[in-house]
């Protein structure tokens, strides 16, 4: 690794955060004997400091990955190309913006006629010796069907299309025959402090062990210092954003990867006046309450208590 890439420790010696610069990402041949044309780079994982997740950049060009299953859960987001996913016996042709979850123990395989790339998330983190992956046979050769997110059989898949994070578009009603999934809270966008968040992979797709979501920052957007009881990863897609982790500040650019451990205090600031987008994952999945711990709220309480004790 060069420059500021690498894993950084907290004061107690545990891994706190990891930064991987785009220029330090190197793809290597993967799964020899069970694939062809497959290359990957592990960005976050057990050997790199993580306790709960593995994040991998995957490339498949004119090749395949044999049918297999895992004792862990995986999610994916397609960056480019049109890989075919064979999930539980059905072949689906994906496209950029397609995402989904492969549940624990479900057989699946991949094929691609042209180069394709995607981000793959695994939770819990896979075992280093590969003993939690089981190969079943060759990848199917049946022609895949186009991804249809309105088809209930594709319950583990989703497609982030144009305008689905545009708040002006979401304010308007959609016709019953509109070519999208039925509008509901499951398709909603959460907006706050100049930030828009769209859930991609969560329990609605039957993900039990992790989440994946898209984050958009408007000019001047900010997420003040906070931490979580889970790990997070961030894969930069567009624009630049400043991240502060345990008092160290970095500028993230497209292709960069950042990861924070549970308990790592971090914050994000858009300071260039531009639009920013990144793909974010978390593992374990956030709890129903107390998933954020903002420093400012507890500093406020400390001030109040000091004032009340002093007055008493």
Protein backbone atom coordinates (compact mmCIF):
# COMPACT_ATOMS: atom_id res chain seq x y z
CA UNK A 1 0.00 0.00 0.00
CA UNK A 2 1.17 3.53 -0.69
CA UNK A 3 0.42 6.92 0.80
CA UNK A 4 -2.27 6.93 3.49
CA UNK A 5 -3.80 3.58 2.52
CA UNK A 6 -3.96 0.94 5.21
CA UNK A 7 -5.62 0.01 8.49
CA UNK A 8 -5.37 2.44 11.41
CA UNK A 9 -5.73 1.48 15.08
CA UNK A 10 -7.75 3.00 17.89
CA UNK A 11 -6.11 4.11 21.14
CA UNK A 12 -6.78 0.65 22.65
CA UNK A 13 -4.82 -1.01 19.84
CA UNK A 14 -7.86 -2.44 18.01
CA UNK A 15 -8.42 -1.67 14.30
CA UNK A 16 -10.34 1.61 14.02
CA UNK A 17 -10.63 2.39 10.33
CA UNK A 18 -9.17 1.43 6.95
CA UNK A 19 -8.50 3.55 3.87
CA UNK A 20 -7.82 2.02 0.45
CA UNK A 21 -6.96 4.40 -2.37
CA UNK A 22 -8.18 3.66 -5.87
CA UNK A 23 -4.63 3.40 -7.20
CA UNK A 24 -3.82 0.70 -4.62
CA UNK A 25 -6.64 -1.64 -5.71
CA UNK A 26 -5.12 -4.59 -7.56
CA UNK A 27 -7.27 -7.37 -9.01
CA UNK A 28 -5.92 -10.92 -8.94
CA UNK A 29 -7.12 -14.24 -10.35
CA UNK A 30 -9.67 -15.87 -8.05
CA UNK A 31 -11.17 -19.33 -7.46
CA UNK A 32 -8.87 -21.34 -9.75
CA UNK A 33 -10.54 -24.52 -10.90
CA UNK A 34 -14.04 -23.27 -10.09
CA UNK A 35 -14.15 -20.24 -12.40
CA UNK A 36 -12.77 -18.65 -15.56
CA UNK A 37 -12.19 -14.96 -16.21
CA UNK A 38 -12.73 -14.14 -12.52
CA UNK A 39 -10.56 -11.58 -10.75
CA UNK A 40 -11.07 -9.90 -7.40
CA UNK A 41 -9.55 -7.68 -4.72
CA UNK A 42 -10.45 -7.98 -1.05
CA UNK A 43 -10.93 -4.40 0.20
CA UNK A 44 -12.16 -5.14 3.74
CA UNK A 45 -11.92 -8.44 5.58
CA UNK A 46 -10.72 -10.42 8.55
CA UNK A 47 -7.03 -10.16 7.68
CA UNK A 48 -7.52 -6.41 7.18
CA UNK A 49 -9.04 -5.65 10.58
CA UNK A 50 -12.75 -6.40 10.19
CA UNK A 51 -14.64 -8.60 12.61
CA UNK A 52 -18.03 -8.77 10.87
CA UNK A 53 -17.69 -8.23 7.11
CA UNK A 54 -15.76 -8.70 3.90
CA UNK A 55 -15.98 -6.26 0.99
CA UNK A 56 -14.64 -7.34 -2.40
CA UNK A 57 -14.31 -5.76 -5.83
CA UNK A 58 -15.13 -8.47 -8.39
CA UNK A 59 -14.41 -8.55 -12.13
CA UNK A 60 -15.73 -11.23 -14.50
CA UNK A 61 -14.86 -11.11 -18.19
CA UNK A 62 -16.13 -13.68 -20.71
CA UNK A 63 -16.21 -16.37 -18.05
CA UNK A 64 -18.12 -17.99 -15.22
CA UNK A 65 -18.22 -18.93 -11.55
CA UNK A 66 -19.38 -22.49 -10.83
CA UNK A 67 -22.54 -23.16 -8.84
CA UNK A 68 -21.84 -22.88 -5.13
CA UNK A 69 -23.32 -21.85 -1.81
CA UNK A 70 -22.05 -20.18 1.36
CA UNK A 71 -22.67 -20.52 5.08
CA UNK A 72 -22.56 -16.71 5.11
CA UNK A 73 -24.76 -14.09 3.43
CA UNK A 74 -23.66 -12.04 0.42
CA UNK A 75 -24.96 -8.87 -1.17
CA UNK A 76 -23.87 -7.25 -4.43
CA UNK A 77 -24.14 -4.06 -6.47
CA UNK A 78 -23.32 -4.05 -10.19
CA UNK A 79 -20.95 -1.27 -11.25
CA UNK A 80 -20.69 -2.07 -14.96
CA UNK A 81 -21.56 -4.74 -17.50
CA UNK A 82 -24.38 -7.27 -17.60
CA UNK A 83 -23.40 -10.38 -15.62
CA UNK A 84 -25.90 -13.23 -15.41
CA UNK A 85 -26.76 -14.39 -11.90
CA UNK A 86 -28.15 -17.91 -11.55
CA UNK A 87 -29.91 -17.84 -8.21
CA UNK A 88 -31.66 -20.93 -6.91
CA UNK A 89 -32.12 -22.28 -10.43
CA UNK A 90 -33.23 -19.08 -12.25
CA UNK A 91 -30.95 -17.07 -14.52
CA UNK A 92 -31.30 -13.26 -14.41
CA UNK A 93 -29.33 -10.81 -16.54
CA UNK A 94 -28.23 -7.92 -14.33
CA UNK A 95 -27.24 -4.38 -15.32
CA UNK A 96 -25.51 -1.39 -13.70
CA UNK A 97 -27.47 -0.40 -10.59
CA UNK A 98 -28.77 -3.94 -10.06
CA UNK A 99 -28.28 -5.24 -6.53
CA UNK A 100 -29.50 -7.99 -4.29
CA UNK A 101 -28.78 -10.60 -1.66
CA UNK A 102 -27.81 -14.26 -1.88
CA UNK A 103 -29.21 -15.77 1.34
CA UNK A 104 -27.28 -18.26 3.43
CA UNK A 105 -27.23 -21.72 1.85
CA UNK A 106 -28.79 -20.76 -1.51
CA UNK A 107 -27.02 -22.17 -4.62
CA UNK A 108 -25.90 -19.56 -7.16
CA UNK A 109 -23.52 -19.05 -10.08
CA UNK A 110 -22.38 -16.30 -12.45
CA UNK A 111 -21.68 -15.96 -16.16
CA UNK A 112 -20.60 -12.99 -18.26
CA UNK A 113 -20.05 -12.67 -22.01
CA UNK A 114 -18.58 -9.18 -21.70
CA UNK A 115 -16.51 -7.62 -18.89
CA UNK A 116 -18.54 -6.90 -15.75
CA UNK A 117 -17.65 -5.50 -12.33
CA UNK A 118 -19.51 -5.49 -9.06
CA UNK A 119 -19.03 -4.86 -5.35
CA UNK A 120 -19.67 -7.93 -3.20
CA UNK A 121 -20.41 -7.79 0.52
CA UNK A 122 -20.26 -10.81 2.85
CA UNK A 123 -21.46 -11.14 6.45
CA UNK A 124 -20.26 -12.60 8.66
CA UNK A 125 -16.76 -12.40 7.26
CA UNK A 126 -15.78 -15.54 5.31
CA UNK A 127 -13.28 -17.98 6.79
CA UNK A 128 -9.74 -17.60 5.54
CA UNK A 129 -9.48 -21.27 4.53
CA UNK A 130 -12.64 -21.16 2.38
CA UNK A 131 -14.30 -23.95 4.37
CA UNK A 132 -17.60 -22.01 4.43
CA UNK A 133 -18.01 -22.14 0.61
CA UNK A 134 -19.30 -25.33 -1.04
CA UNK A 135 -19.11 -25.94 -4.82
CA UNK A 136 -21.90 -28.02 -6.35
CA UNK A 137 -21.12 -28.25 -10.07
CA UNK A 138 -20.72 -26.22 -13.28
CA UNK A 139 -22.57 -22.97 -13.85
CA UNK A 140 -25.83 -23.33 -15.82
CA UNK A 141 -25.81 -22.48 -19.52
CA UNK A 142 -29.48 -21.63 -19.91
CA UNK A 143 -30.05 -18.12 -21.32
CA UNK A 144 -30.85 -15.64 -18.51
CA UNK A 145 -33.98 -13.49 -18.44
CA UNK A 146 -33.85 -9.69 -18.13
CA UNK A 147 -34.16 -8.39 -14.57
CA UNK A 148 -37.80 -7.60 -13.80
CA UNK A 149 -38.09 -6.12 -10.31
CA UNK A 150 -41.91 -6.27 -10.48
CA UNK A 151 -41.77 -10.07 -10.69
CA UNK A 152 -42.23 -11.40 -7.12
CA UNK A 153 -39.95 -14.33 -7.97
CA UNK A 154 -37.09 -11.82 -8.01
CA UNK A 155 -37.74 -11.04 -4.34
CA UNK A 156 -34.00 -11.04 -3.55
CA UNK A 157 -33.14 -8.49 -6.26
CA UNK A 158 -33.56 -4.75 -6.82
CA UNK A 159 -32.58 -2.14 -9.41
CA UNK A 160 -31.62 1.41 -8.54
CA UNK A 161 -32.81 3.37 -11.55
CA UNK A 162 -32.57 6.99 -12.63
CA UNK A 163 -34.57 9.38 -10.49
CA UNK A 164 -35.15 6.97 -7.61
CA UNK A 165 -33.19 9.25 -5.27
CA UNK A 166 -34.52 12.52 -6.75
CA UNK A 167 -36.72 14.07 -4.08
CA UNK A 168 -38.55 16.24 -6.64
CA UNK A 169 -39.53 13.09 -8.57
CA UNK A 170 -40.58 11.22 -5.42
CA UNK A 171 -42.96 14.02 -4.40
CA UNK A 172 -45.23 13.16 -7.33
CA UNK A 173 -47.63 10.24 -7.49
CA UNK A 174 -46.99 7.32 -9.84
CA UNK A 175 -49.50 5.54 -12.06
CA UNK A 176 -50.46 1.97 -11.27
CA UNK A 177 -48.79 0.81 -14.49
CA UNK A 178 -45.55 2.69 -13.91
CA UNK A 179 -42.54 0.44 -14.74
CA UNK A 180 -41.15 0.27 -11.24
CA UNK A 181 -41.77 -1.54 -7.98
CA UNK A 182 -44.91 -0.48 -6.16
CA UNK A 183 -44.30 2.71 -4.21
CA UNK A 184 -44.23 2.17 -0.45
CA UNK A 185 -42.05 2.86 2.58
CA UNK A 186 -39.78 0.08 1.27
CA UNK A 187 -38.92 2.26 -1.75
CA UNK A 188 -38.67 5.54 0.17
CA UNK A 189 -35.64 7.83 0.42
CA UNK A 190 -34.57 9.22 3.78
CA UNK A 191 -33.42 12.85 3.52
CA UNK A 192 -31.70 14.92 6.22
CA UNK A 193 -28.93 17.55 6.55
CA UNK A 194 -28.35 17.63 2.78
CA UNK A 195 -28.06 13.82 2.69
CA UNK A 196 -30.30 11.33 0.86
CA UNK A 197 -30.17 7.62 1.78
CA UNK A 198 -31.81 4.84 -0.27
CA UNK A 199 -31.87 1.32 1.15
CA UNK A 200 -30.90 -1.27 -1.46
CA UNK A 201 -30.36 -4.54 0.42
CA UNK A 202 -32.04 -5.12 3.77
CA UNK A 203 -34.71 -7.35 5.30
CA UNK A 204 -37.21 -6.57 2.54
CA UNK A 205 -34.94 -8.58 0.19
CA UNK A 206 -34.44 -11.21 2.93
CA UNK A 207 -31.01 -9.96 4.04
CA UNK A 208 -30.64 -10.86 7.71
CA UNK A 209 -26.97 -10.19 8.44
CA UNK A 210 -26.09 -6.96 6.61
CA UNK A 211 -27.46 -3.91 4.82
CA UNK A 212 -26.40 -2.07 1.67
CA UNK A 213 -27.56 1.42 0.72
CA UNK A 214 -26.78 4.36 -1.55
CA UNK A 215 -25.82 7.73 -0.06
CA UNK A 216 -26.07 11.07 -1.90
CA UNK A 217 -24.57 14.30 -0.53
CA UNK A 218 -25.73 17.70 -1.74
CA UNK A 219 -23.29 20.66 -1.65
CA UNK A 220 -22.52 21.53 1.98
CA UNK A 221 -24.00 18.31 3.40
CA UNK A 222 -22.59 17.11 6.71
CA UNK A 223 -22.82 14.13 9.06
CA UNK A 224 -21.47 15.24 12.43
CA UNK A 225 -19.10 13.02 14.49
CA UNK A 226 -20.73 9.76 15.56
CA UNK A 227 -20.12 6.06 15.92
CA UNK A 228 -22.14 2.82 15.68
CA UNK A 229 -22.44 -0.59 17.35
CA UNK A 230 -21.60 -2.14 13.94
CA UNK A 231 -19.03 -1.86 11.14
CA UNK A 232 -19.50 0.21 7.98
CA UNK A 233 -17.80 0.37 4.59
CA UNK A 234 -17.99 3.12 1.97
CA UNK A 235 -17.17 2.68 -1.74
CA UNK A 236 -16.89 6.05 -3.48
CA UNK A 237 -18.73 6.42 -6.79
CA UNK A 238 -18.95 10.14 -7.60
CA UNK A 239 -17.53 13.42 -6.33
CA UNK A 240 -15.28 14.09 -3.34
CA UNK A 241 -16.02 14.14 0.39
CA UNK A 242 -13.90 14.74 3.47
CA UNK A 243 -14.01 12.06 6.15
CA UNK A 244 -12.71 12.50 9.69
CA UNK A 245 -12.01 9.32 11.67
CA UNK A 246 -10.54 9.47 15.16
CA UNK A 247 -9.25 13.01 14.50
CA UNK A 248 -7.55 12.15 11.18
CA UNK A 249 -8.93 13.79 8.01
CA UNK A 250 -8.88 12.44 4.45
CA UNK A 251 -10.47 13.37 1.12
CA UNK A 252 -12.23 10.42 -0.55
CA UNK A 253 -12.52 10.24 -4.34
CA UNK A 254 -14.17 7.79 -6.82
CA UNK A 255 -12.79 4.30 -6.41
CA UNK A 256 -11.54 4.91 -2.85
CA UNK A 257 -12.77 2.66 -0.04
CA UNK A 258 -13.17 3.54 3.63
CA UNK A 259 -14.13 1.25 6.52
CA UNK A 260 -14.94 2.03 10.16
CA UNK A 261 -15.01 -0.42 13.04
CA UNK A 262 -17.67 -0.40 15.74
CA UNK A 263 -16.82 2.45 18.10
CA UNK A 264 -14.76 4.45 15.59
CA UNK A 265 -15.92 8.08 15.76
CA UNK A 266 -16.26 9.43 12.22
CA UNK A 267 -17.85 12.31 10.31
CA UNK A 268 -18.35 13.36 6.66
CA UNK A 269 -18.21 16.87 5.19
CA UNK A 270 -18.88 18.05 1.63
CA UNK A 271 -16.62 21.11 1.22
CA UNK A 272 -16.13 21.47 -2.57
CA UNK A 273 -19.72 22.51 -3.38
CA UNK A 274 -20.34 19.41 -5.48
CA UNK A 275 -22.61 16.38 -5.61
CA UNK A 276 -21.25 13.19 -3.96
CA UNK A 277 -22.39 9.55 -4.09
CA UNK A 278 -21.12 6.40 -2.42
CA UNK A 279 -22.24 2.82 -1.78
CA UNK A 280 -22.37 1.96 1.92
CA UNK A 281 -22.69 -1.34 3.78
CA UNK A 282 -23.09 -2.28 7.43
CA UNK A 283 -22.69 -5.49 9.43
CA UNK A 284 -24.24 -6.67 11.60
CA UNK A 285 -27.49 -5.04 10.53
CA UNK A 286 -28.38 -1.89 12.53
CA UNK A 287 -30.50 -2.44 15.66
CA UNK A 288 -34.01 -1.00 15.88
CA UNK A 289 -32.76 1.70 18.27
CA UNK A 290 -29.44 3.35 19.18
CA UNK A 291 -27.76 2.68 15.84
CA UNK A 292 -26.15 6.16 15.98
CA UNK A 293 -24.25 7.73 18.87
CA UNK A 294 -23.63 11.42 18.11
CA UNK A 295 -20.83 13.12 20.04
CA UNK A 296 -22.69 16.43 20.12
CA UNK A 297 -25.68 14.93 21.95
CA UNK A 298 -23.57 13.44 24.72
CA UNK A 299 -21.44 16.59 24.96
CA UNK A 300 -24.69 18.49 25.42
CA UNK A 301 -25.71 16.13 28.23
CA UNK A 302 -22.33 16.51 29.91
CA UNK A 303 -22.77 20.29 29.85
CA UNK A 304 -26.27 20.05 31.28
CA UNK A 305 -25.17 17.73 34.07
CA UNK A 306 -22.26 19.99 34.95
CA UNK A 307 -24.61 22.97 35.11
CA UNK A 308 -27.17 21.14 37.22
CA UNK A 309 -24.57 19.78 39.63
CA UNK A 310 -22.99 23.20 39.93
CA UNK A 311 -26.35 24.82 40.66
CA UNK A 312 -27.15 22.19 43.28
